[in-house]
Amino acid sequence: MKYLAFVLLFLLASCSQSGKEARLDQEKMAQILVDIHVDEAKISGMEIVSADTNLLLFHVLEKSTLKKHRVDSVTLVHSFHAYVREPKEFIKLYERVNEIMEQRKKASETSHR
C-alpha cells in the first residue's frame, strides 16, 4: 500500500492540467489500476527489505502493465489526475476497481477448486 501512496503522489505532482476529454475511460483506467494494485501485492508478498529494490521491481511491473494495456505513463498520469480532480468520478472509479478485484478473487478461488 505504501507503493500506491508513492505512485499517487508522483502522479499528482507530475501533472499540471488534464481534462475529461483527455482521460482514459473508467473501465480501462480501472483495469490498469487493478493490475497496478496486484503488482504492489506481489512485491509486498516478497518481503524484500530494501526499499530501492522494491521500487525497482515496481517500476518493472508497472512498465509491463502499461505495455499490456497499450497505455503510456503520461496518459496514465493525466487520466489519474483528471479523476482525482473530480471526487465523485474518482469514487466511482475505485468502486469499479473493487468490483474487478472481487471478480478476479472469485474466479481465482473457483479455478483452484
PDB file of N, CA and C in Angstrom:
ATOM      1  N   MET A   1       0.815  -1.183   0.000  1.00  0.00           N
ATOM      2  CA  MET A   1       0.000   0.000   0.000  1.00  0.00           C
ATOM      3  C   MET A   1       0.865   1.255   0.000  1.00  0.00           C
ATOM      4  N   LYS A   2       2.074   1.158   0.584  1.00  0.00           N
ATOM      5  CA  LYS A   2       2.942   2.328   0.596  1.00  0.00           C
ATOM      6  C   LYS A   2       3.386   2.684  -0.814  1.00  0.00           C
ATOM      7  N   TYR A   3       3.432   1.692  -1.702  1.00  0.00           N
ATOM      8  CA  TYR A   3       3.803   1.970  -3.085  1.00  0.00           C
ATOM      9  C   TYR A   3       2.699   2.745  -3.785  1.00  0.00           C
ATOM     10  N   LEU A   4       1.463   2.418  -3.462  1.00  0.00           N
ATOM     11  CA  LEU A   4       0.336   3.136  -4.046  1.00  0.00           C
ATOM     12  C   LEU A   4       0.409   4.601  -3.662  1.00  0.00           C
ATOM     13  N   ALA A   5       0.695   4.865  -2.413  1.00  0.00           N
ATOM     14  CA  ALA A   5       0.797   6.261  -1.968  1.00  0.00           C
ATOM     15  C   ALA A   5       1.909   6.975  -2.722  1.00  0.00           C
ATOM     16  N   PHE A   6       3.034   6.303  -2.908  1.00  0.00           N
ATOM     17  CA  PHE A   6       4.143   6.892  -3.663  1.00  0.00           C
ATOM     18  C   PHE A   6       3.722   7.168  -5.095  1.00  0.00           C
ATOM     19  N   VAL A   7       3.082   6.205  -5.727  1.00  0.00           N
ATOM     20  CA  VAL A   7       2.651   6.369  -7.117  1.00  0.00           C
ATOM     21  C   VAL A   7       1.624   7.492  -7.219  1.00  0.00           C
ATOM     22  N   LEU A   8       0.676   7.517  -6.306  1.00  0.00           N
ATOM     23  CA  LEU A   8      -0.348   8.556  -6.343  1.00  0.00           C
ATOM     24  C   LEU A   8       0.264   9.944  -6.191  1.00  0.00           C
ATOM     25  N   LEU A   9       1.194  10.077  -5.270  1.00  0.00           N
ATOM     26  CA  LEU A   9       1.857  11.368  -5.099  1.00  0.00           C
ATOM     27  C   LEU A   9       2.646  11.744  -6.340  1.00  0.00           C
ATOM     28  N   PHE A  10       3.328  10.765  -6.915  1.00  0.00           N
ATOM     29  CA  PHE A  10       4.080  11.017  -8.140  1.00  0.00           C
ATOM     30  C   PHE A  10       3.142  11.434  -9.260  1.00  0.00           C
ATOM     31  N   LEU A  11       2.051  10.741  -9.391  1.00  0.00           N
ATOM     32  CA  LEU A  11       1.092  11.067 -10.445  1.00  0.00           C
ATOM     33  C   LEU A  11       0.521  12.463 -10.271  1.00  0.00           C
ATOM     34  N   LEU A  12       0.186  12.796  -9.050  1.00  0.00           N
ATOM     35  CA  LEU A  12      -0.371  14.122  -8.786  1.00  0.00           C
ATOM     36  C   LEU A  12       0.650  15.224  -9.033  1.00  0.00           C
ATOM     37  N   ALA A  13       1.866  14.988  -8.644  1.00  0.00           N
ATOM     38  CA  ALA A  13       2.908  16.006  -8.804  1.00  0.00           C
ATOM     39  C   ALA A  13       3.340  16.149 -10.253  1.00  0.00           C
ATOM     40  N   SER A  14       3.152  15.124 -11.048  1.00  0.00           N
ATOM     41  CA  SER A  14       3.629  15.133 -12.424  1.00  0.00           C
ATOM     42  C   SER A  14       2.701  15.862 -13.384  1.00  0.00           C
ATOM     43  N   CYS A  15       1.505  16.132 -12.953  1.00  0.00           N
ATOM     44  CA  CYS A  15       0.508  16.710 -13.852  1.00  0.00           C
ATOM     45  C   CYS A  15       0.299  18.187 -13.573  1.00  0.00           C
ATOM     46  N   SER A  16       0.059  18.901 -14.636  1.00  0.00           N
ATOM     47  CA  SER A  16      -0.299  20.299 -14.436  1.00  0.00           C
ATOM     48  C   SER A  16      -1.725  20.566 -14.884  1.00  0.00           C
ATOM     49  N   GLN A  17      -2.141  19.891 -15.924  1.00  0.00           N
ATOM     50  CA  GLN A  17      -3.523  20.079 -16.362  1.00  0.00           C
ATOM     51  C   GLN A  17      -3.996  18.844 -17.111  1.00  0.00           C
ATOM     52  N   SER A  18      -5.269  18.577 -17.037  1.00  0.00           N
ATOM     53  CA  SER A  18      -5.878  17.496 -17.792  1.00  0.00           C
ATOM     54  C   SER A  18      -7.375  17.711 -17.766  1.00  0.00           C
ATOM     55  N   GLY A  19      -8.045  17.141 -18.720  1.00  0.00           N
ATOM     56  CA  GLY A  19      -9.484  17.326 -18.795  1.00  0.00           C
ATOM     57  C   GLY A  19     -10.196  16.017 -18.989  1.00  0.00           C
ATOM     58  N   LYS A  20     -11.502  16.079 -18.870  1.00  0.00           N
ATOM     59  CA  LYS A  20     -12.309  14.891 -19.027  1.00  0.00           C
ATOM     60  C   LYS A  20     -12.084  14.238 -20.385  1.00  0.00           C
ATOM     61  N   GLU A  21     -11.944  15.066 -21.409  1.00  0.00           N
ATOM     62  CA  GLU A  21     -11.791  14.542 -22.758  1.00  0.00           C
ATOM     63  C   GLU A  21     -10.463  13.821 -22.956  1.00  0.00           C
ATOM     64  N   ALA A  22      -9.442  14.146 -22.162  1.00  0.00           N
ATOM     65  CA  ALA A  22      -8.120  13.564 -22.334  1.00  0.00           C
ATOM     66  C   ALA A  22      -7.900  12.314 -21.487  1.00  0.00           C
ATOM     67  N   ARG A  23      -8.812  12.008 -20.589  1.00  0.00           N
ATOM     68  CA  ARG A  23      -8.572  10.888 -19.686  1.00  0.00           C
ATOM     69  C   ARG A  23      -9.055   9.572 -20.281  1.00  0.00           C
ATOM     70  N   LEU A  24      -8.484   8.495 -19.745  1.00  0.00           N
ATOM     71  CA  LEU A  24      -8.912   7.156 -20.137  1.00  0.00           C
ATOM     72  C   LEU A  24     -10.322   6.918 -19.617  1.00  0.00           C
ATOM     73  N   ASP A  25     -11.071   6.094 -20.327  1.00  0.00           N
ATOM     74  CA  ASP A  25     -12.416   5.800 -19.844  1.00  0.00           C
ATOM     75  C   ASP A  25     -12.324   4.992 -18.552  1.00  0.00           C
ATOM     76  N   GLN A  26     -13.395   5.029 -17.793  1.00  0.00           N
ATOM     77  CA  GLN A  26     -13.399   4.436 -16.454  1.00  0.00           C
ATOM     78  C   GLN A  26     -13.019   2.959 -16.464  1.00  0.00           C
ATOM     79  N   GLU A  27     -13.545   2.184 -17.377  1.00  0.00           N
ATOM     80  CA  GLU A  27     -13.271   0.751 -17.385  1.00  0.00           C
ATOM     81  C   GLU A  27     -11.792   0.461 -17.632  1.00  0.00           C
ATOM     82  N   LYS A  28     -11.219   1.118 -18.616  1.00  0.00           N
ATOM     83  CA  LYS A  28      -9.799   0.902 -18.916  1.00  0.00           C
ATOM     84  C   LYS A  28      -8.932   1.352 -17.746  1.00  0.00           C
ATOM     85  N   MET A  29      -9.252   2.500 -17.194  1.00  0.00           N
ATOM     86  CA  MET A  29      -8.490   3.017 -16.058  1.00  0.00           C
ATOM     87  C   MET A  29      -8.599   2.063 -14.878  1.00  0.00           C
ATOM     88  N   ALA A  30      -9.776   1.555 -14.624  1.00  0.00           N
ATOM     89  CA  ALA A  30      -9.982   0.614 -13.516  1.00  0.00           C
ATOM     90  C   ALA A  30      -9.162  -0.662 -13.737  1.00  0.00           C
ATOM     91  N   GLN A  31      -9.158  -1.183 -14.943  1.00  0.00           N
ATOM     92  CA  GLN A  31      -8.385  -2.398 -15.241  1.00  0.00           C
ATOM     93  C   GLN A  31      -6.895  -2.170 -14.988  1.00  0.00           C
ATOM     94  N   ILE A  32      -6.401  -1.020 -15.409  1.00  0.00           N
ATOM     95  CA  ILE A  32      -4.988  -0.691 -15.197  1.00  0.00           C
ATOM     96  C   ILE A  32      -4.686  -0.580 -13.708  1.00  0.00           C
ATOM     97  N   LEU A  33      -5.529   0.129 -12.974  1.00  0.00           N
ATOM     98  CA  LEU A  33      -5.310   0.298 -11.533  1.00  0.00           C
ATOM     99  C   LEU A  33      -5.355  -1.033 -10.794  1.00  0.00           C
ATOM    100  N   VAL A  34      -6.244  -1.912 -11.199  1.00  0.00           N
ATOM    101  CA  VAL A  34      -6.298  -3.239 -10.576  1.00  0.00           C
ATOM    102  C   VAL A  34      -4.967  -3.955 -10.792  1.00  0.00           C
ATOM    103  N   ASP A  35      -4.467  -3.921 -12.015  1.00  0.00           N
ATOM    104  CA  ASP A  35      -3.195  -4.587 -12.295  1.00  0.00           C
ATOM    105  C   ASP A  35      -2.049  -3.956 -11.502  1.00  0.00           C
ATOM    106  N   ILE A  36      -2.074  -2.645 -11.343  1.00  0.00           N
ATOM    107  CA  ILE A  36      -1.036  -1.973 -10.553  1.00  0.00           C
ATOM    108  C   ILE A  36      -1.129  -2.411  -9.090  1.00  0.00           C
ATOM    109  N   HIS A  37      -2.335  -2.505  -8.555  1.00  0.00           N
ATOM    110  CA  HIS A  37      -2.504  -2.955  -7.166  1.00  0.00           C
ATOM    111  C   HIS A  37      -2.053  -4.408  -7.006  1.00  0.00           C
ATOM    112  N   VAL A  38      -2.324  -5.237  -7.987  1.00  0.00           N
ATOM    113  CA  VAL A  38      -1.874  -6.630  -7.945  1.00  0.00           C
ATOM    114  C   VAL A  38      -0.345  -6.675  -7.951  1.00  0.00           C
ATOM    115  N   ASP A  39       0.262  -5.831  -8.787  1.00  0.00           N
ATOM    116  CA  ASP A  39       1.727  -5.754  -8.811  1.00  0.00           C
ATOM    117  C   ASP A  39       2.275  -5.366  -7.440  1.00  0.00           C
ATOM    118  N   GLU A  40       1.637  -4.389  -6.803  1.00  0.00           N
ATOM    119  CA  GLU A  40       2.065  -3.970  -5.455  1.00  0.00           C
ATOM    120  C   GLU A  40       1.957  -5.125  -4.467  1.00  0.00           C
ATOM    121  N   ALA A  41       0.879  -5.886  -4.576  1.00  0.00           N
ATOM    122  CA  ALA A  41       0.688  -7.018  -3.666  1.00  0.00           C
ATOM    123  C   ALA A  41       1.766  -8.081  -3.885  1.00  0.00           C
ATOM    124  N   LYS A  42       2.132  -8.312  -5.135  1.00  0.00           N
ATOM    125  CA  LYS A  42       3.198  -9.277  -5.428  1.00  0.00           C
ATOM    126  C   LYS A  42       4.494  -8.853  -4.747  1.00  0.00           C
ATOM    127  N   ILE A  43       4.821  -7.583  -4.884  1.00  0.00           N
ATOM    128  CA  ILE A  43       6.062  -7.080  -4.297  1.00  0.00           C
ATOM    129  C   ILE A  43       6.005  -7.147  -2.775  1.00  0.00           C
ATOM    130  N   SER A  44       4.883  -6.779  -2.195  1.00  0.00           N
ATOM    131  CA  SER A  44       4.739  -6.842  -0.734  1.00  0.00           C
ATOM    132  C   SER A  44       4.889  -8.271  -0.236  1.00  0.00           C
ATOM    133  N   GLY A  45       4.381  -9.211  -1.010  1.00  0.00           N
ATOM    134  CA  GLY A  45       4.466 -10.613  -0.628  1.00  0.00           C
ATOM    135  C   GLY A  45       5.876 -11.169  -0.665  1.00  0.00           C
ATOM    136  N   MET A  46       6.756 -10.504  -1.381  1.00  0.00           N
ATOM    137  CA  MET A  46       8.142 -10.950  -1.461  1.00  0.00           C
ATOM    138  C   MET A  46       8.933 -10.618  -0.197  1.00  0.00           C
ATOM    139  N   GLU A  47       8.419  -9.706   0.603  1.00  0.00           N
ATOM    140  CA  GLU A  47       9.044  -9.297   1.859  1.00  0.00           C
ATOM    141  C   GLU A  47      10.507  -8.898   1.688  1.00  0.00           C
ATOM    142  N   ILE A  48      10.769  -8.115   0.666  1.00  0.00           N
ATOM    143  CA  ILE A  48      12.118  -7.611   0.418  1.00  0.00           C
ATOM    144  C   ILE A  48      12.337  -6.411   1.323  1.00  0.00           C
ATOM    145  N   VAL A  49      13.447  -6.385   2.005  1.00  0.00           N
ATOM    146  CA  VAL A  49      13.726  -5.337   2.978  1.00  0.00           C
ATOM    147  C   VAL A  49      14.116  -4.023   2.299  1.00  0.00           C
ATOM    148  N   SER A  50      14.826  -4.089   1.212  1.00  0.00           N
ATOM    149  CA  SER A  50      15.335  -2.896   0.556  1.00  0.00           C
ATOM    150  C   SER A  50      14.235  -2.129  -0.183  1.00  0.00           C
ATOM    151  N   ALA A  51      14.042  -0.877   0.206  1.00  0.00           N
ATOM    152  CA  ALA A  51      13.041  -0.029  -0.459  1.00  0.00           C
ATOM    153  C   ALA A  51      13.437   0.231  -1.902  1.00  0.00           C
ATOM    154  N   ASP A  52      14.741   0.346  -2.150  1.00  0.00           N
ATOM    155  CA  ASP A  52      15.208   0.571  -3.516  1.00  0.00           C
ATOM    156  C   ASP A  52      14.874  -0.606  -4.421  1.00  0.00           C
ATOM    157  N   THR A  53      15.064  -1.801  -3.920  1.00  0.00           N
ATOM    158  CA  THR A  53      14.742  -2.999  -4.693  1.00  0.00           C
ATOM    159  C   THR A  53      13.248  -3.082  -4.947  1.00  0.00           C
ATOM    160  N   ASN A  54      12.463  -2.784  -3.913  1.00  0.00           N
ATOM    161  CA  ASN A  54      11.003  -2.788  -4.071  1.00  0.00           C
ATOM    162  C   ASN A  54      10.575  -1.810  -5.157  1.00  0.00           C
ATOM    163  N   LEU A  55      11.133  -0.629  -5.127  1.00  0.00           N
ATOM    164  CA  LEU A  55      10.780   0.396  -6.103  1.00  0.00           C
ATOM    165  C   LEU A  55      11.199  -0.022  -7.507  1.00  0.00           C
ATOM    166  N   LEU A  56      12.376  -0.593  -7.628  1.00  0.00           N
ATOM    167  CA  LEU A  56      12.853  -1.075  -8.924  1.00  0.00           C
ATOM    168  C   LEU A  56      11.921  -2.150  -9.472  1.00  0.00           C
ATOM    169  N   LEU A  57      11.561  -3.099  -8.631  1.00  0.00           N
ATOM    170  CA  LEU A  57      10.638  -4.156  -9.055  1.00  0.00           C
ATOM    171  C   LEU A  57       9.283  -3.575  -9.459  1.00  0.00           C
ATOM    172  N   PHE A  58       8.808  -2.604  -8.682  1.00  0.00           N
ATOM    173  CA  PHE A  58       7.524  -1.994  -9.008  1.00  0.00           C
ATOM    174  C   PHE A  58       7.574  -1.336 -10.385  1.00  0.00           C
ATOM    175  N   HIS A  59       8.648  -0.621 -10.674  1.00  0.00           N
ATOM    176  CA  HIS A  59       8.770   0.047 -11.974  1.00  0.00           C
ATOM    177  C   HIS A  59       8.788  -0.958 -13.126  1.00  0.00           C
ATOM    178  N   VAL A  60       9.443  -2.082 -12.929  1.00  0.00           N
ATOM    179  CA  VAL A  60       9.472  -3.129 -13.955  1.00  0.00           C
ATOM    180  C   VAL A  60       8.059  -3.673 -14.187  1.00  0.00           C
ATOM    181  N   LEU A  61       7.350  -3.969 -13.101  1.00  0.00           N
ATOM    182  CA  LEU A  61       5.987  -4.497 -13.228  1.00  0.00           C
ATOM    183  C   LEU A  61       5.035  -3.452 -13.808  1.00  0.00           C
ATOM    184  N   GLU A  62       5.200  -2.199 -13.382  1.00  0.00           N
ATOM    185  CA  GLU A  62       4.345  -1.131 -13.897  1.00  0.00           C
ATOM    186  C   GLU A  62       4.540  -0.955 -15.403  1.00  0.00           C
ATOM    187  N   LYS A  63       5.768  -1.002 -15.848  1.00  0.00           N
ATOM    188  CA  LYS A  63       6.069  -0.876 -17.283  1.00  0.00           C
ATOM    189  C   LYS A  63       5.390  -2.003 -18.064  1.00  0.00           C
ATOM    190  N   SER A  64       5.452  -3.196 -17.524  1.00  0.00           N
ATOM    191  CA  SER A  64       4.808  -4.344 -18.158  1.00  0.00           C
ATOM    192  C   SER A  64       3.285  -4.174 -18.198  1.00  0.00           C
ATOM    193  N   THR A  65       2.718  -3.677 -17.111  1.00  0.00           N
ATOM    194  CA  THR A  65       1.272  -3.450 -17.047  1.00  0.00           C
ATOM    195  C   THR A  65       0.836  -2.414 -18.074  1.00  0.00           C
ATOM    196  N   LEU A  66       1.573  -1.324 -18.174  1.00  0.00           N
ATOM    197  CA  LEU A  66       1.225  -0.289 -19.147  1.00  0.00           C
ATOM    198  C   LEU A  66       1.340  -0.813 -20.573  1.00  0.00           C
ATOM    199  N   LYS A  67       2.356  -1.617 -20.822  1.00  0.00           N
ATOM    200  CA  LYS A  67       2.517  -2.214 -22.155  1.00  0.00           C
ATOM    201  C   LYS A  67       1.342  -3.148 -22.465  1.00  0.00           C
ATOM    202  N   LYS A  68       0.951  -3.930 -21.478  1.00  0.00           N
ATOM    203  CA  LYS A  68      -0.187  -4.851 -21.633  1.00  0.00           C
ATOM    204  C   LYS A  68      -1.462  -4.100 -22.034  1.00  0.00           C
ATOM    205  N   HIS A  69      -1.663  -2.936 -21.426  1.00  0.00           N
ATOM    206  CA  HIS A  69      -2.872  -2.147 -21.682  1.00  0.00           C
ATOM    207  C   HIS A  69      -2.694  -1.134 -22.816  1.00  0.00           C
ATOM    208  N   ARG A  70      -1.495  -1.135 -23.404  1.00  0.00           N
ATOM    209  CA  ARG A  70      -1.178  -0.220 -24.508  1.00  0.00           C
ATOM    210  C   ARG A  70      -1.433   1.242 -24.135  1.00  0.00           C
ATOM    211  N   VAL A  71      -0.899   1.608 -22.988  1.00  0.00           N
ATOM    212  CA  VAL A  71      -1.034   2.971 -22.474  1.00  0.00           C
ATOM    213  C   VAL A  71       0.347   3.445 -22.051  1.00  0.00           C
ATOM    214  N   ASP A  72       0.656   4.695 -22.347  1.00  0.00           N
ATOM    215  CA  ASP A  72       1.932   5.239 -21.895  1.00  0.00           C
ATOM    216  C   ASP A  72       1.744   5.883 -20.515  1.00  0.00           C
ATOM    217  N   SER A  73       2.848   6.095 -19.844  1.00  0.00           N
ATOM    218  CA  SER A  73       2.784   6.609 -18.470  1.00  0.00           C
ATOM    219  C   SER A  73       2.218   8.028 -18.407  1.00  0.00           C
ATOM    220  N   VAL A  74       2.459   8.824 -19.430  1.00  0.00           N
ATOM    221  CA  VAL A  74       1.929  10.195 -19.434  1.00  0.00           C
ATOM    222  C   VAL A  74       0.399  10.169 -19.489  1.00  0.00           C
ATOM    223  N   THR A  75      -0.145   9.316 -20.319  1.00  0.00           N
ATOM    224  CA  THR A  75      -1.604   9.187 -20.412  1.00  0.00           C
ATOM    225  C   THR A  75      -2.177   8.724 -19.080  1.00  0.00           C
ATOM    226  N   LEU A  76      -1.515   7.768 -18.446  1.00  0.00           N
ATOM    227  CA  LEU A  76      -1.979   7.288 -17.141  1.00  0.00           C
ATOM    228  C   LEU A  76      -1.954   8.414 -16.115  1.00  0.00           C
ATOM    229  N   VAL A  77      -0.883   9.155 -16.078  1.00  0.00           N
ATOM    230  CA  VAL A  77      -0.746  10.250 -15.126  1.00  0.00           C
ATOM    231  C   VAL A  77      -1.833  11.297 -15.352  1.00  0.00           C
ATOM    232  N   HIS A  78      -2.017  11.701 -16.592  1.00  0.00           N
ATOM    233  CA  HIS A  78      -3.031  12.721 -16.888  1.00  0.00           C
ATOM    234  C   HIS A  78      -4.434  12.215 -16.567  1.00  0.00           C
ATOM    235  N   SER A  79      -4.690  10.962 -16.882  1.00  0.00           N
ATOM    236  CA  SER A  79      -6.001  10.390 -16.597  1.00  0.00           C
ATOM    237  C   SER A  79      -6.259  10.315 -15.097  1.00  0.00           C
ATOM    238  N   PHE A  80      -5.264   9.856 -14.363  1.00  0.00           N
ATOM    239  CA  PHE A  80      -5.419   9.752 -12.918  1.00  0.00           C
ATOM    240  C   PHE A  80      -5.686  11.127 -12.320  1.00  0.00           C
ATOM    241  N   HIS A  81      -4.936  12.086 -12.760  1.00  0.00           N
ATOM    242  CA  HIS A  81      -5.107  13.455 -12.256  1.00  0.00           C
ATOM    243  C   HIS A  81      -6.514  13.973 -12.563  1.00  0.00           C
ATOM    244  N   ALA A  82      -7.012  13.679 -13.752  1.00  0.00           N
ATOM    245  CA  ALA A  82      -8.359  14.116 -14.128  1.00  0.00           C
ATOM    246  C   ALA A  82      -9.409  13.500 -13.207  1.00  0.00           C
ATOM    247  N   TYR A  83      -9.234  12.226 -12.850  1.00  0.00           N
ATOM    248  CA  TYR A  83     -10.181  11.582 -11.932  1.00  0.00           C
ATOM    249  C   TYR A  83     -10.071  12.170 -10.525  1.00  0.00           C
ATOM    250  N   VAL A  84      -8.854  12.433 -10.079  1.00  0.00           N
ATOM    251  CA  VAL A  84      -8.649  12.987  -8.739  1.00  0.00           C
ATOM    252  C   VAL A  84      -9.328  14.349  -8.608  1.00  0.00           C
ATOM    253  N   ARG A  85      -9.315  15.109  -9.671  1.00  0.00           N
ATOM    254  CA  ARG A  85      -9.907  16.448  -9.638  1.00  0.00           C
ATOM    255  C   ARG A  85     -11.433  16.419  -9.571  1.00  0.00           C
ATOM    256  N   GLU A  86     -12.020  15.262  -9.823  1.00  0.00           N
ATOM    257  CA  GLU A  86     -13.475  15.108  -9.747  1.00  0.00           C
ATOM    258  C   GLU A  86     -13.787  13.985  -8.755  1.00  0.00           C
ATOM    259  N   PRO A  87     -13.910  14.317  -7.476  1.00  0.00           N
ATOM    260  CA  PRO A  87     -14.060  13.303  -6.433  1.00  0.00           C
ATOM    261  C   PRO A  87     -15.164  12.271  -6.681  1.00  0.00           C
ATOM    262  N   LYS A  88     -16.299  12.691  -7.205  1.00  0.00           N
ATOM    263  CA  LYS A  88     -17.379  11.724  -7.461  1.00  0.00           C
ATOM    264  C   LYS A  88     -16.961  10.707  -8.515  1.00  0.00           C
ATOM    265  N   GLU A  89     -16.276  11.172  -9.538  1.00  0.00           N
ATOM    266  CA  GLU A  89     -15.778  10.271 -10.585  1.00  0.00           C
ATOM    267  C   GLU A  89     -14.682   9.358 -10.032  1.00  0.00           C
ATOM    268  N   PHE A  90     -13.851   9.902  -9.159  1.00  0.00           N
ATOM    269  CA  PHE A  90     -12.785   9.121  -8.548  1.00  0.00           C
ATOM    270  C   PHE A  90     -13.365   8.003  -7.689  1.00  0.00           C
ATOM    271  N   ILE A  91     -14.403   8.321  -6.937  1.00  0.00           N
ATOM    272  CA  ILE A  91     -15.065   7.306  -6.105  1.00  0.00           C
ATOM    273  C   ILE A  91     -15.677   6.215  -6.987  1.00  0.00           C
ATOM    274  N   LYS A  92     -16.339   6.613  -8.059  1.00  0.00           N
ATOM    275  CA  LYS A  92     -16.910   5.632  -8.990  1.00  0.00           C
ATOM    276  C   LYS A  92     -15.823   4.747  -9.580  1.00  0.00           C
ATOM    277  N   LEU A  93     -14.697   5.368  -9.919  1.00  0.00           N
ATOM    278  CA  LEU A  93     -13.573   4.610 -10.478  1.00  0.00           C
ATOM    279  C   LEU A  93     -13.115   3.546  -9.496  1.00  0.00           C
ATOM    280  N   TYR A  94     -12.925   3.926  -8.238  1.00  0.00           N
ATOM    281  CA  TYR A  94     -12.439   2.947  -7.268  1.00  0.00           C
ATOM    282  C   TYR A  94     -13.507   1.945  -6.848  1.00  0.00           C
ATOM    283  N   GLU A  95     -14.757   2.278  -6.976  1.00  0.00           N
ATOM    284  CA  GLU A  95     -15.809   1.274  -6.773  1.00  0.00           C
ATOM    285  C   GLU A  95     -15.680   0.201  -7.852  1.00  0.00           C
ATOM    286  N   ARG A  96     -15.394   0.640  -9.077  1.00  0.00           N
ATOM    287  CA  ARG A  96     -15.201  -0.319 -10.175  1.00  0.00           C
ATOM    288  C   ARG A  96     -13.936  -1.140  -9.951  1.00  0.00           C
ATOM    289  N   VAL A  97     -12.875  -0.505  -9.472  1.00  0.00           N
ATOM    290  CA  VAL A  97     -11.638  -1.231  -9.165  1.00  0.00           C
ATOM    291  C   VAL A  97     -11.930  -2.343  -8.158  1.00  0.00           C
ATOM    292  N   ASN A  98     -12.685  -2.015  -7.110  1.00  0.00           N
ATOM    293  CA  ASN A  98     -13.035  -3.015  -6.099  1.00  0.00           C
ATOM    294  C   ASN A  98     -13.882  -4.144  -6.682  1.00  0.00           C
ATOM    295  N   GLU A  99     -14.810  -3.816  -7.574  1.00  0.00           N
ATOM    296  CA  GLU A  99     -15.630  -4.847  -8.216  1.00  0.00           C
ATOM    297  C   GLU A  99     -14.762  -5.801  -9.027  1.00  0.00           C
ATOM    298  N   ILE A 100     -13.845  -5.257  -9.787  1.00  0.00           N
ATOM    299  CA  ILE A 100     -12.962  -6.091 -10.610  1.00  0.00           C
ATOM    300  C   ILE A 100     -12.099  -6.984  -9.732  1.00  0.00           C
ATOM    301  N   MET A 101     -11.592  -6.430  -8.639  1.00  0.00           N
ATOM    302  CA  MET A 101     -10.776  -7.238  -7.727  1.00  0.00           C
ATOM    303  C   MET A 101     -11.583  -8.389  -7.138  1.00  0.00           C
ATOM    304  N   GLU A 102     -12.824  -8.116  -6.771  1.00  0.00           N
ATOM    305  CA  GLU A 102     -13.691  -9.177  -6.242  1.00  0.00           C
ATOM    306  C   GLU A 102     -13.956 -10.241  -7.295  1.00  0.00           C
ATOM    307  N   GLN A 103     -14.208  -9.818  -8.527  1.00  0.00           N
ATOM    308  CA  GLN A 103     -14.435 -10.772  -9.618  1.00  0.00           C
ATOM    309  C   GLN A 103     -13.216 -11.654  -9.838  1.00  0.00           C
ATOM    310  N   ARG A 104     -12.054 -11.044  -9.839  1.00  0.00           N
ATOM    311  CA  ARG A 104     -10.820 -11.818 -10.032  1.00  0.00           C
ATOM    312  C   ARG A 104     -10.587 -12.781  -8.873  1.00  0.00           C
ATOM    313  N   LYS A 105     -10.891 -12.325  -7.666  1.00  0.00           N
ATOM    314  CA  LYS A 105     -10.719 -13.183  -6.489  1.00  0.00           C
ATOM    315  C   LYS A 105     -11.631 -14.399  -6.585  1.00  0.00           C
ATOM    316  N   LYS A 106     -12.894 -14.170  -6.947  1.00  0.00           N
ATOM    317  CA  LYS A 106     -13.846 -15.276  -7.077  1.00  0.00           C
ATOM    318  C   LYS A 106     -13.422 -16.229  -8.189  1.00  0.00           C
ATOM    319  N   ALA A 107     -12.972 -15.676  -9.303  1.00  0.00           N
ATOM    320  CA  ALA A 107     -12.517 -16.517 -10.413  1.00  0.00           C
ATOM    321  C   ALA A 107     -11.313 -17.353 -10.011  1.00  0.00           C
ATOM    322  N   SER A 108     -10.410 -16.757  -9.250  1.00  0.00           N
ATOM    323  CA  SER A 108      -9.223 -17.466  -8.781  1.00  0.00           C
ATOM    324  C   SER A 108      -9.607 -18.581  -7.818  1.00  0.00           C
ATOM    325  N   GLU A 109     -10.537 -18.311  -6.912  1.00  0.00           N
ATOM    326  CA  GLU A 109     -10.988 -19.320  -5.956  1.00  0.00           C
ATOM    327  C   GLU A 109     -11.682 -20.467  -6.672  1.00  0.00           C
ATOM    328  N   THR A 110     -12.445 -20.158  -7.693  1.00  0.00           N
ATOM    329  CA  THR A 110     -13.160 -21.181  -8.454  1.00  0.00           C
ATOM    330  C   THR A 110     -12.179 -22.061  -9.225  1.00  0.00           C
ATOM    331  N   SER A 111     -11.158 -21.456  -9.794  1.00  0.00           N
ATOM    332  CA  SER A 111     -10.195 -22.222 -10.597  1.00  0.00           C
ATOM    333  C   SER A 111      -9.284 -23.083  -9.724  1.00  0.00           C
ATOM    334  N   HIS A 112      -9.146 -22.789  -8.447  1.00  0.00           N
ATOM    335  CA  HIS A 112      -8.291 -23.554  -7.554  1.00  0.00           C
ATOM    336  C   HIS A 112      -9.021 -24.713  -6.875  1.00  0.00           C
ATOM    337  N   ARG A 113     -10.274 -24.860  -7.161  1.00  0.00           N
ATOM    338  CA  ARG A 113     -11.039 -25.945  -6.509  1.00  0.00           C
ATOM    339  C   ARG A 113     -10.869 -27.236  -7.214  1.00  0.00           C
TER     340      ARG A 113
END
